[in-house]
Amino acid sequence: MQQVQNGNPLFCDTDAVDDFFGKIEGAMSAAQAAYDNAHTQPSAVMQGCVLDDSSGCQSLVFGGGFPDVNTTRFPSPVIVLHRNWVAGGWGLGIFNFVP
């Protein structure tokens, strides 16, 4: 409290405060843009799966594909998640993708 009353520059530099919050806003906007680019909704659901032949397995279909979120050189790892809703099991695979 004494520092505020004495006019400590840390608390009086409104440009620094504006710059600080501007950087936070920029980081949040970048995070939202990355999420919007990576969050893709499926266009359909089909019975049966490529990685699991048990009953009750469903595949999500992404008819429009996925947006490119790759920031590295190829080949790039792609994570494939698998969930069987009936059996409750999970599976995953990491595959090198080369377009």
PDB file of N, CA and C in Angstrom:
ATOM      1  N   MET A   1       0.828  -1.192   0.000  1.00  0.00           N
ATOM      2  CA  MET A   1       0.000   0.000   0.000  1.00  0.00           C
ATOM      3  C   MET A   1       0.867   1.247   0.000  1.00  0.00           C
ATOM      4  N   GLN A   2       1.959   1.191   0.758  1.00  0.00           N
ATOM      5  CA  GLN A   2       2.857   2.341   0.833  1.00  0.00           C
ATOM      6  C   GLN A   2       3.456   2.644  -0.548  1.00  0.00           C
ATOM      7  N   GLN A   3       3.754   1.584  -1.339  1.00  0.00           N
ATOM      8  CA  GLN A   3       4.345   1.794  -2.664  1.00  0.00           C
ATOM      9  C   GLN A   3       3.353   2.508  -3.591  1.00  0.00           C
ATOM     10  N   VAL A   4       2.091   2.172  -3.511  1.00  0.00           N
ATOM     11  CA  VAL A   4       1.087   2.826  -4.338  1.00  0.00           C
ATOM     12  C   VAL A   4       0.960   4.293  -3.949  1.00  0.00           C
ATOM     13  N   GLN A   5       0.953   4.554  -2.670  1.00  0.00           N
ATOM     14  CA  GLN A   5       0.825   5.933  -2.207  1.00  0.00           C
ATOM     15  C   GLN A   5       2.025   6.779  -2.604  1.00  0.00           C
ATOM     16  N   ASN A   6       3.204   6.171  -2.661  1.00  0.00           N
ATOM     17  CA  ASN A   6       4.411   6.907  -3.019  1.00  0.00           C
ATOM     18  C   ASN A   6       4.593   7.017  -4.531  1.00  0.00           C
ATOM     19  N   GLY A   7       3.667   6.502  -5.317  1.00  0.00           N
ATOM     20  CA  GLY A   7       3.764   6.625  -6.763  1.00  0.00           C
ATOM     21  C   GLY A   7       4.806   5.716  -7.384  1.00  0.00           C
ATOM     22  N   ASN A   8       4.876   4.482  -6.918  1.00  0.00           N
ATOM     23  CA  ASN A   8       5.818   3.515  -7.488  1.00  0.00           C
ATOM     24  C   ASN A   8       5.535   3.367  -8.980  1.00  0.00           C
ATOM     25  N   PRO A   9       6.562   3.524  -9.836  1.00  0.00           N
ATOM     26  CA  PRO A   9       6.354   3.449 -11.281  1.00  0.00           C
ATOM     27  C   PRO A   9       5.733   2.135 -11.739  1.00  0.00           C
ATOM     28  N   LEU A  10       5.933   1.076 -10.982  1.00  0.00           N
ATOM     29  CA  LEU A  10       5.357  -0.215 -11.345  1.00  0.00           C
ATOM     30  C   LEU A  10       3.840  -0.123 -11.433  1.00  0.00           C
ATOM     31  N   PHE A  11       3.247   0.698 -10.587  1.00  0.00           N
ATOM     32  CA  PHE A  11       1.797   0.814 -10.550  1.00  0.00           C
ATOM     33  C   PHE A  11       1.273   2.003 -11.356  1.00  0.00           C
ATOM     34  N   CYS A  12       2.141   2.852 -11.813  1.00  0.00           N
ATOM     35  CA  CYS A  12       1.708   4.075 -12.483  1.00  0.00           C
ATOM     36  C   CYS A  12       1.903   4.040 -13.997  1.00  0.00           C
ATOM     37  N   ASP A  13       2.584   3.066 -14.521  1.00  0.00           N
ATOM     38  CA  ASP A  13       2.871   3.013 -15.957  1.00  0.00           C
ATOM     39  C   ASP A  13       1.708   2.346 -16.682  1.00  0.00           C
ATOM     40  N   THR A  14       0.750   3.158 -17.113  1.00  0.00           N
ATOM     41  CA  THR A  14      -0.437   2.605 -17.777  1.00  0.00           C
ATOM     42  C   THR A  14      -0.099   2.004 -19.136  1.00  0.00           C
ATOM     43  N   ASP A  15       0.961   2.490 -19.784  1.00  0.00           N
ATOM     44  CA  ASP A  15       1.377   1.886 -21.059  1.00  0.00           C
ATOM     45  C   ASP A  15       1.842   0.448 -20.857  1.00  0.00           C
ATOM     46  N   ALA A  16       2.562   0.209 -19.764  1.00  0.00           N
ATOM     47  CA  ALA A  16       3.024  -1.150 -19.476  1.00  0.00           C
ATOM     48  C   ALA A  16       1.851  -2.076 -19.174  1.00  0.00           C
ATOM     49  N   VAL A  17       0.869  -1.572 -18.449  1.00  0.00           N
ATOM     50  CA  VAL A  17      -0.319  -2.369 -18.141  1.00  0.00           C
ATOM     51  C   VAL A  17      -1.085  -2.675 -19.427  1.00  0.00           C
ATOM     52  N   ASP A  18      -1.241  -1.679 -20.287  1.00  0.00           N
ATOM     53  CA  ASP A  18      -1.917  -1.882 -21.562  1.00  0.00           C
ATOM     54  C   ASP A  18      -1.159  -2.894 -22.421  1.00  0.00           C
ATOM     55  N   ASP A  19       0.154  -2.783 -22.452  1.00  0.00           N
ATOM     56  CA  ASP A  19       0.980  -3.726 -23.218  1.00  0.00           C
ATOM     57  C   ASP A  19       0.829  -5.142 -22.658  1.00  0.00           C
ATOM     58  N   PHE A  20       0.829  -5.272 -21.332  1.00  0.00           N
ATOM     59  CA  PHE A  20       0.676  -6.574 -20.677  1.00  0.00           C
ATOM     60  C   PHE A  20      -0.630  -7.245 -21.088  1.00  0.00           C
ATOM     61  N   PHE A  21      -1.741  -6.514 -20.982  1.00  0.00           N
ATOM     62  CA  PHE A  21      -3.031  -7.084 -21.336  1.00  0.00           C
ATOM     63  C   PHE A  21      -3.177  -7.283 -22.843  1.00  0.00           C
ATOM     64  N   GLY A  22      -2.512  -6.469 -23.634  1.00  0.00           N
ATOM     65  CA  GLY A  22      -2.495  -6.673 -25.081  1.00  0.00           C
ATOM     66  C   GLY A  22      -1.824  -7.991 -25.451  1.00  0.00           C
ATOM     67  N   LYS A  23      -0.742  -8.328 -24.749  1.00  0.00           N
ATOM     68  CA  LYS A  23      -0.058  -9.607 -25.001  1.00  0.00           C
ATOM     69  C   LYS A  23      -0.933 -10.788 -24.585  1.00  0.00           C
ATOM     70  N   ILE A  24      -1.646 -10.653 -23.489  1.00  0.00           N
ATOM     71  CA  ILE A  24      -2.559 -11.720 -23.063  1.00  0.00           C
ATOM     72  C   ILE A  24      -3.658 -11.902 -24.094  1.00  0.00           C
ATOM     73  N   GLU A  25      -4.217 -10.792 -24.577  1.00  0.00           N
ATOM     74  CA  GLU A  25      -5.268 -10.872 -25.592  1.00  0.00           C
ATOM     75  C   GLU A  25      -4.737 -11.517 -26.873  1.00  0.00           C
ATOM     76  N   GLY A  26      -3.530 -11.186 -27.264  1.00  0.00           N
ATOM     77  CA  GLY A  26      -2.933 -11.790 -28.453  1.00  0.00           C
ATOM     78  C   GLY A  26      -2.731 -13.283 -28.301  1.00  0.00           C
ATOM     79  N   ALA A  27      -2.266 -13.702 -27.125  1.00  0.00           N
ATOM     80  CA  ALA A  27      -2.065 -15.131 -26.879  1.00  0.00           C
ATOM     81  C   ALA A  27      -3.395 -15.878 -26.877  1.00  0.00           C
ATOM     82  N   MET A  28      -4.422 -15.280 -26.289  1.00  0.00           N
ATOM     83  CA  MET A  28      -5.736 -15.929 -26.268  1.00  0.00           C
ATOM     84  C   MET A  28      -6.322 -16.026 -27.675  1.00  0.00           C
ATOM     85  N   SER A  29      -6.136 -14.999 -28.484  1.00  0.00           N
ATOM     86  CA  SER A  29      -6.631 -15.029 -29.869  1.00  0.00           C
ATOM     87  C   SER A  29      -5.922 -16.104 -30.666  1.00  0.00           C
ATOM     88  N   ALA A  30      -4.616 -16.241 -30.473  1.00  0.00           N
ATOM     89  CA  ALA A  30      -3.851 -17.276 -31.174  1.00  0.00           C
ATOM     90  C   ALA A  30      -4.301 -18.670 -30.739  1.00  0.00           C
ATOM     91  N   ALA A  31      -4.558 -18.839 -29.450  1.00  0.00           N
ATOM     92  CA  ALA A  31      -5.023 -20.139 -28.958  1.00  0.00           C
ATOM     93  C   ALA A  31      -6.398 -20.467 -29.524  1.00  0.00           C
ATOM     94  N   GLN A  32      -7.277 -19.479 -29.605  1.00  0.00           N
ATOM     95  CA  GLN A  32      -8.613 -19.702 -30.164  1.00  0.00           C
ATOM     96  C   GLN A  32      -8.516 -20.067 -31.642  1.00  0.00           C
ATOM     97  N   ALA A  33      -7.643 -19.392 -32.372  1.00  0.00           N
ATOM     98  CA  ALA A  33      -7.475 -19.683 -33.800  1.00  0.00           C
ATOM     99  C   ALA A  33      -6.945 -21.102 -33.996  1.00  0.00           C
ATOM    100  N   ALA A  34      -5.999 -21.524 -33.161  1.00  0.00           N
ATOM    101  CA  ALA A  34      -5.460 -22.885 -33.263  1.00  0.00           C
ATOM    102  C   ALA A  34      -6.540 -23.916 -32.942  1.00  0.00           C
ATOM    103  N   TYR A  35      -7.345 -23.645 -31.921  1.00  0.00           N
ATOM    104  CA  TYR A  35      -8.433 -24.563 -31.576  1.00  0.00           C
ATOM    105  C   TYR A  35      -9.452 -24.649 -32.708  1.00  0.00           C
ATOM    106  N   ASP A  36      -9.843 -23.496 -33.248  1.00  0.00           N
ATOM    107  CA  ASP A  36     -10.821 -23.478 -34.338  1.00  0.00           C
ATOM    108  C   ASP A  36     -10.316 -24.263 -35.544  1.00  0.00           C
ATOM    109  N   ASN A  37      -9.019 -24.188 -35.808  1.00  0.00           N
ATOM    110  CA  ASN A  37      -8.441 -24.888 -36.943  1.00  0.00           C
ATOM    111  C   ASN A  37      -8.372 -26.398 -36.686  1.00  0.00           C
ATOM    112  N   ALA A  38      -8.082 -26.793 -35.460  1.00  0.00           N
ATOM    113  CA  ALA A  38      -7.881 -28.216 -35.158  1.00  0.00           C
ATOM    114  C   ALA A  38      -9.171 -28.940 -34.796  1.00  0.00           C
ATOM    115  N   HIS A  39     -10.183 -28.224 -34.330  1.00  0.00           N
ATOM    116  CA  HIS A  39     -11.428 -28.856 -33.881  1.00  0.00           C
ATOM    117  C   HIS A  39     -12.348 -29.077 -35.080  1.00  0.00           C
ATOM    118  N   THR A  40     -12.371 -30.308 -35.557  1.00  0.00           N
ATOM    119  CA  THR A  40     -13.156 -30.646 -36.737  1.00  0.00           C
ATOM    120  C   THR A  40     -14.283 -31.591 -36.342  1.00  0.00           C
ATOM    121  N   GLN A  41     -15.495 -31.273 -36.733  1.00  0.00           N
ATOM    122  CA  GLN A  41     -16.648 -32.110 -36.428  1.00  0.00           C
ATOM    123  C   GLN A  41     -16.832 -33.161 -37.529  1.00  0.00           C
ATOM    124  N   PRO A  42     -17.218 -34.384 -37.157  1.00  0.00           N
ATOM    125  CA  PRO A  42     -17.478 -35.406 -38.178  1.00  0.00           C
ATOM    126  C   PRO A  42     -18.746 -35.085 -38.967  1.00  0.00           C
ATOM    127  N   SER A  43     -18.786 -35.571 -40.206  1.00  0.00           N
ATOM    128  CA  SER A  43     -19.968 -35.346 -41.043  1.00  0.00           C
ATOM    129  C   SER A  43     -20.940 -36.518 -40.971  1.00  0.00           C
ATOM    130  N   ALA A  44     -20.480 -37.675 -40.476  1.00  0.00           N
ATOM    131  CA  ALA A  44     -21.346 -38.852 -40.382  1.00  0.00           C
ATOM    132  C   ALA A  44     -20.748 -39.852 -39.402  1.00  0.00           C
ATOM    133  N   VAL A  45     -21.584 -40.810 -38.998  1.00  0.00           N
ATOM    134  CA  VAL A  45     -21.153 -41.930 -38.167  1.00  0.00           C
ATOM    135  C   VAL A  45     -21.569 -43.212 -38.873  1.00  0.00           C
ATOM    136  N   MET A  46     -20.645 -44.159 -38.980  1.00  0.00           N
ATOM    137  CA  MET A  46     -20.931 -45.430 -39.646  1.00  0.00           C
ATOM    138  C   MET A  46     -20.714 -46.588 -38.679  1.00  0.00           C
ATOM    139  N   GLN A  47     -21.509 -47.629 -38.830  1.00  0.00           N
ATOM    140  CA  GLN A  47     -21.308 -48.840 -38.039  1.00  0.00           C
ATOM    141  C   GLN A  47     -20.061 -49.558 -38.528  1.00  0.00           C
ATOM    142  N   GLY A  48     -19.286 -50.103 -37.609  1.00  0.00           N
ATOM    143  CA  GLY A  48     -18.073 -50.839 -37.949  1.00  0.00           C
ATOM    144  C   GLY A  48     -16.846 -49.942 -37.884  1.00  0.00           C
ATOM    145  N   CYS A  49     -15.712 -50.575 -37.643  1.00  0.00           N
ATOM    146  CA  CYS A  49     -14.460 -49.831 -37.515  1.00  0.00           C
ATOM    147  C   CYS A  49     -13.347 -50.544 -38.260  1.00  0.00           C
ATOM    148  N   VAL A  50     -12.355 -49.802 -38.649  1.00  0.00           N
ATOM    149  CA  VAL A  50     -11.189 -50.375 -39.314  1.00  0.00           C
ATOM    150  C   VAL A  50     -10.291 -51.073 -38.297  1.00  0.00           C
ATOM    151  N   LEU A  51     -10.139 -50.488 -37.119  1.00  0.00           N
ATOM    152  CA  LEU A  51      -9.209 -51.019 -36.128  1.00  0.00           C
ATOM    153  C   LEU A  51      -9.851 -51.971 -35.122  1.00  0.00           C
ATOM    154  N   ASP A  52     -11.151 -52.180 -35.222  1.00  0.00           N
ATOM    155  CA  ASP A  52     -11.851 -53.028 -34.253  1.00  0.00           C
ATOM    156  C   ASP A  52     -13.037 -53.679 -34.958  1.00  0.00           C
ATOM    157  N   ASP A  53     -13.103 -55.008 -34.933  1.00  0.00           N
ATOM    158  CA  ASP A  53     -14.198 -55.688 -35.616  1.00  0.00           C
ATOM    159  C   ASP A  53     -15.307 -56.150 -34.662  1.00  0.00           C
ATOM    160  N   SER A  54     -15.287 -55.677 -33.419  1.00  0.00           N
ATOM    161  CA  SER A  54     -16.320 -56.077 -32.477  1.00  0.00           C
ATOM    162  C   SER A  54     -17.615 -55.319 -32.751  1.00  0.00           C
ATOM    163  N   SER A  55     -18.715 -55.910 -32.315  1.00  0.00           N
ATOM    164  CA  SER A  55     -20.011 -55.265 -32.541  1.00  0.00           C
ATOM    165  C   SER A  55     -20.096 -53.978 -31.728  1.00  0.00           C
ATOM    166  N   GLY A  56     -20.838 -53.046 -32.229  1.00  0.00           N
ATOM    167  CA  GLY A  56     -21.034 -51.789 -31.522  1.00  0.00           C
ATOM    168  C   GLY A  56     -20.004 -50.732 -31.835  1.00  0.00           C
ATOM    169  N   CYS A  57     -18.991 -51.096 -32.580  1.00  0.00           N
ATOM    170  CA  CYS A  57     -17.970 -50.105 -32.916  1.00  0.00           C
ATOM    171  C   CYS A  57     -18.497 -49.209 -34.032  1.00  0.00           C
ATOM    172  N   GLN A  58     -18.280 -47.920 -33.899  1.00  0.00           N
ATOM    173  CA  GLN A  58     -18.719 -46.953 -34.905  1.00  0.00           C
ATOM    174  C   GLN A  58     -17.539 -46.106 -35.345  1.00  0.00           C
ATOM    175  N   SER A  59     -17.545 -45.730 -36.596  1.00  0.00           N
ATOM    176  CA  SER A  59     -16.496 -44.875 -37.155  1.00  0.00           C
ATOM    177  C   SER A  59     -17.049 -43.489 -37.420  1.00  0.00           C
ATOM    178  N   LEU A  60     -16.281 -42.498 -37.069  1.00  0.00           N
ATOM    179  CA  LEU A  60     -16.638 -41.130 -37.418  1.00  0.00           C
ATOM    180  C   LEU A  60     -16.081 -40.843 -38.801  1.00  0.00           C
ATOM    181  N   VAL A  61     -16.904 -40.247 -39.635  1.00  0.00           N
ATOM    182  CA  VAL A  61     -16.514 -39.934 -41.005  1.00  0.00           C
ATOM    183  C   VAL A  61     -16.310 -38.428 -41.123  1.00  0.00           C
ATOM    184  N   PHE A  62     -15.180 -38.046 -41.657  1.00  0.00           N
ATOM    185  CA  PHE A  62     -14.864 -36.640 -41.884  1.00  0.00           C
ATOM    186  C   PHE A  62     -14.825 -36.427 -43.389  1.00  0.00           C
ATOM    187  N   GLY A  63     -16.021 -36.220 -43.972  1.00  0.00           N
ATOM    188  CA  GLY A  63     -16.162 -36.125 -45.414  1.00  0.00           C
ATOM    189  C   GLY A  63     -15.376 -34.980 -46.036  1.00  0.00           C
ATOM    190  N   GLY A  64     -15.199 -33.906 -45.300  1.00  0.00           N
ATOM    191  CA  GLY A  64     -14.454 -32.767 -45.817  1.00  0.00           C
ATOM    192  C   GLY A  64     -12.984 -32.804 -45.480  1.00  0.00           C
ATOM    193  N   GLY A  65     -12.549 -33.888 -44.836  1.00  0.00           N
ATOM    194  CA  GLY A  65     -11.145 -33.987 -44.442  1.00  0.00           C
ATOM    195  C   GLY A  65     -10.848 -33.145 -43.214  1.00  0.00           C
ATOM    196  N   PHE A  66      -9.580 -32.919 -43.002  1.00  0.00           N
ATOM    197  CA  PHE A  66      -9.115 -32.138 -41.862  1.00  0.00           C
ATOM    198  C   PHE A  66      -8.320 -30.937 -42.357  1.00  0.00           C
ATOM    199  N   PRO A  67      -8.401 -29.829 -41.642  1.00  0.00           N
ATOM    200  CA  PRO A  67      -7.518 -28.712 -42.000  1.00  0.00           C
ATOM    201  C   PRO A  67      -6.075 -29.071 -41.637  1.00  0.00           C
ATOM    202  N   ASP A  68      -5.130 -28.499 -42.335  1.00  0.00           N
ATOM    203  CA  ASP A  68      -3.720 -28.761 -42.083  1.00  0.00           C
ATOM    204  C   ASP A  68      -3.292 -28.012 -40.828  1.00  0.00           C
ATOM    205  N   VAL A  69      -2.892 -28.755 -39.809  1.00  0.00           N
ATOM    206  CA  VAL A  69      -2.393 -28.142 -38.584  1.00  0.00           C
ATOM    207  C   VAL A  69      -0.920 -28.468 -38.391  1.00  0.00           C
ATOM    208  N   ASN A  70      -0.301 -29.014 -39.428  1.00  0.00           N
ATOM    209  CA  ASN A  70       1.094 -29.412 -39.359  1.00  0.00           C
ATOM    210  C   ASN A  70       2.002 -28.183 -39.364  1.00  0.00           C
ATOM    211  N   THR A  71       2.937 -28.148 -38.431  1.00  0.00           N
ATOM    212  CA  THR A  71       3.914 -27.069 -38.393  1.00  0.00           C
ATOM    213  C   THR A  71       5.328 -27.609 -38.532  1.00  0.00           C
ATOM    214  N   THR A  72       5.452 -28.895 -38.841  1.00  0.00           N
ATOM    215  CA  THR A  72       6.768 -29.521 -38.970  1.00  0.00           C
ATOM    216  C   THR A  72       6.948 -30.037 -40.388  1.00  0.00           C
ATOM    217  N   ARG A  73       8.071 -30.650 -40.618  1.00  0.00           N
ATOM    218  CA  ARG A  73       8.304 -31.271 -41.915  1.00  0.00           C
ATOM    219  C   ARG A  73       7.682 -32.652 -41.916  1.00  0.00           C
ATOM    220  N   PHE A  74       7.482 -33.202 -43.095  1.00  0.00           N
ATOM    221  CA  PHE A  74       6.916 -34.538 -43.231  1.00  0.00           C
ATOM    222  C   PHE A  74       8.018 -35.570 -43.098  1.00  0.00           C
ATOM    223  N   PRO A  75       7.771 -36.780 -42.657  1.00  0.00           N
ATOM    224  CA  PRO A  75       6.471 -37.298 -42.245  1.00  0.00           C
ATOM    225  C   PRO A  75       6.073 -36.749 -40.879  1.00  0.00           C
ATOM    226  N   SER A  76       4.795 -36.603 -40.678  1.00  0.00           N
ATOM    227  CA  SER A  76       4.268 -36.082 -39.423  1.00  0.00           C
ATOM    228  C   SER A  76       3.480 -37.166 -38.710  1.00  0.00           C
ATOM    229  N   PRO A  77       3.635 -37.239 -37.387  1.00  0.00           N
ATOM    230  CA  PRO A  77       2.853 -38.225 -36.650  1.00  0.00           C
ATOM    231  C   PRO A  77       1.385 -37.829 -36.570  1.00  0.00           C
ATOM    232  N   VAL A  78       0.509 -38.803 -36.765  1.00  0.00           N
ATOM    233  CA  VAL A  78      -0.934 -38.612 -36.660  1.00  0.00           C
ATOM    234  C   VAL A  78      -1.441 -39.588 -35.614  1.00  0.00           C
ATOM    235  N   ILE A  79      -2.163 -39.082 -34.642  1.00  0.00           N
ATOM    236  CA  ILE A  79      -2.723 -39.930 -33.589  1.00  0.00           C
ATOM    237  C   ILE A  79      -4.135 -40.338 -34.000  1.00  0.00           C
ATOM    238  N   VAL A  80      -4.408 -41.634 -33.984  1.00  0.00           N
ATOM    239  CA  VAL A  80      -5.744 -42.155 -34.269  1.00  0.00           C
ATOM    240  C   VAL A  80      -6.273 -42.749 -32.974  1.00  0.00           C
ATOM    241  N   LEU A  81      -7.382 -42.200 -32.483  1.00  0.00           N
ATOM    242  CA  LEU A  81      -8.019 -42.696 -31.262  1.00  0.00           C
ATOM    243  C   LEU A  81      -9.189 -43.598 -31.628  1.00  0.00           C
ATOM    244  N   HIS A  82      -9.379 -44.622 -30.857  1.00  0.00           N
ATOM    245  CA  HIS A  82     -10.456 -45.577 -31.111  1.00  0.00           C
ATOM    246  C   HIS A  82     -11.184 -45.829 -29.797  1.00  0.00           C
ATOM    247  N   ARG A  83     -12.524 -45.739 -29.830  1.00  0.00           N
ATOM    248  CA  ARG A  83     -13.330 -46.007 -28.630  1.00  0.00           C
ATOM    249  C   ARG A  83     -14.486 -46.901 -29.010  1.00  0.00           C
ATOM    250  N   ASN A  84     -14.618 -48.033 -28.347  1.00  0.00           N
ATOM    251  CA  ASN A  84     -15.753 -48.918 -28.536  1.00  0.00           C
ATOM    252  C   ASN A  84     -16.750 -48.609 -27.425  1.00  0.00           C
ATOM    253  N   TRP A  85     -17.886 -47.996 -27.797  1.00  0.00           N
ATOM    254  CA  TRP A  85     -18.863 -47.567 -26.802  1.00  0.00           C
ATOM    255  C   TRP A  85     -19.533 -48.739 -26.114  1.00  0.00           C
ATOM    256  N   VAL A  86     -19.715 -49.860 -26.797  1.00  0.00           N
ATOM    257  CA  VAL A  86     -20.383 -51.018 -26.197  1.00  0.00           C
ATOM    258  C   VAL A  86     -19.462 -51.717 -25.205  1.00  0.00           C
ATOM    259  N   ALA A  87     -18.257 -52.037 -25.636  1.00  0.00           N
ATOM    260  CA  ALA A  87     -17.318 -52.751 -24.776  1.00  0.00           C
ATOM    261  C   ALA A  87     -16.590 -51.810 -23.814  1.00  0.00           C
ATOM    262  N   GLY A  88     -16.597 -50.525 -24.121  1.00  0.00           N
ATOM    263  CA  GLY A  88     -15.934 -49.557 -23.250  1.00  0.00           C
ATOM    264  C   GLY A  88     -14.438 -49.483 -23.441  1.00  0.00           C
ATOM    265  N   GLY A  89     -13.922 -50.137 -24.471  1.00  0.00           N
ATOM    266  CA  GLY A  89     -12.476 -50.150 -24.676  1.00  0.00           C
ATOM    267  C   GLY A  89     -11.967 -48.962 -25.475  1.00  0.00           C
ATOM    268  N   TRP A  90     -10.711 -48.668 -25.274  1.00  0.00           N
ATOM    269  CA  TRP A  90     -10.021 -47.604 -26.001  1.00  0.00           C
ATOM    270  C   TRP A  90      -8.819 -48.198 -26.718  1.00  0.00           C
ATOM    271  N   GLY A  91      -8.457 -47.600 -27.811  1.00  0.00           N
ATOM    272  CA  GLY A  91      -7.236 -47.973 -28.512  1.00  0.00           C
ATOM    273  C   GLY A  91      -6.684 -46.732 -29.192  1.00  0.00           C
ATOM    274  N   LEU A  92      -5.403 -46.761 -29.465  1.00  0.00           N
ATOM    275  CA  LEU A  92      -4.820 -45.651 -30.203  1.00  0.00           C
ATOM    276  C   LEU A  92      -3.631 -46.137 -30.997  1.00  0.00           C
ATOM    277  N   GLY A  93      -3.327 -45.400 -32.019  1.00  0.00           N
ATOM    278  CA  GLY A  93      -2.163 -45.674 -32.820  1.00  0.00           C
ATOM    279  C   GLY A  93      -1.548 -44.364 -33.258  1.00  0.00           C
ATOM    280  N   ILE A  94      -0.243 -44.352 -33.391  1.00  0.00           N
ATOM    281  CA  ILE A  94       0.455 -43.188 -33.898  1.00  0.00           C
ATOM    282  C   ILE A  94       1.114 -43.611 -35.207  1.00  0.00           C
ATOM    283  N   PHE A  95       0.726 -42.951 -36.275  1.00  0.00           N
ATOM    284  CA  PHE A  95       1.166 -43.316 -37.599  1.00  0.00           C
ATOM    285  C   PHE A  95       1.882 -42.144 -38.254  1.00  0.00           C
ATOM    286  N   ASN A  96       2.923 -42.434 -39.026  1.00  0.00           N
ATOM    287  CA  ASN A  96       3.602 -41.382 -39.774  1.00  0.00           C
ATOM    288  C   ASN A  96       2.797 -41.105 -41.042  1.00  0.00           C
ATOM    289  N   PHE A  97       2.432 -39.855 -41.211  1.00  0.00           N
ATOM    290  CA  PHE A  97       1.629 -39.457 -42.350  1.00  0.00           C
ATOM    291  C   PHE A  97       2.521 -38.768 -43.375  1.00  0.00           C
ATOM    292  N   VAL A  98       2.426 -39.237 -44.605  1.00  0.00           N
ATOM    293  CA  VAL A  98       3.126 -38.604 -45.718  1.00  0.00           C
ATOM    294  C   VAL A  98       2.090 -38.365 -46.814  1.00  0.00           C
ATOM    295  N   PRO A  99       1.832 -37.101 -47.143  1.00  0.00           N
ATOM    296  CA  PRO A  99       0.799 -36.830 -48.150  1.00  0.00           C
ATOM    297  C   PRO A  99       1.222 -37.254 -49.545  1.00  0.00           C
TER     298      PRO A  99
END
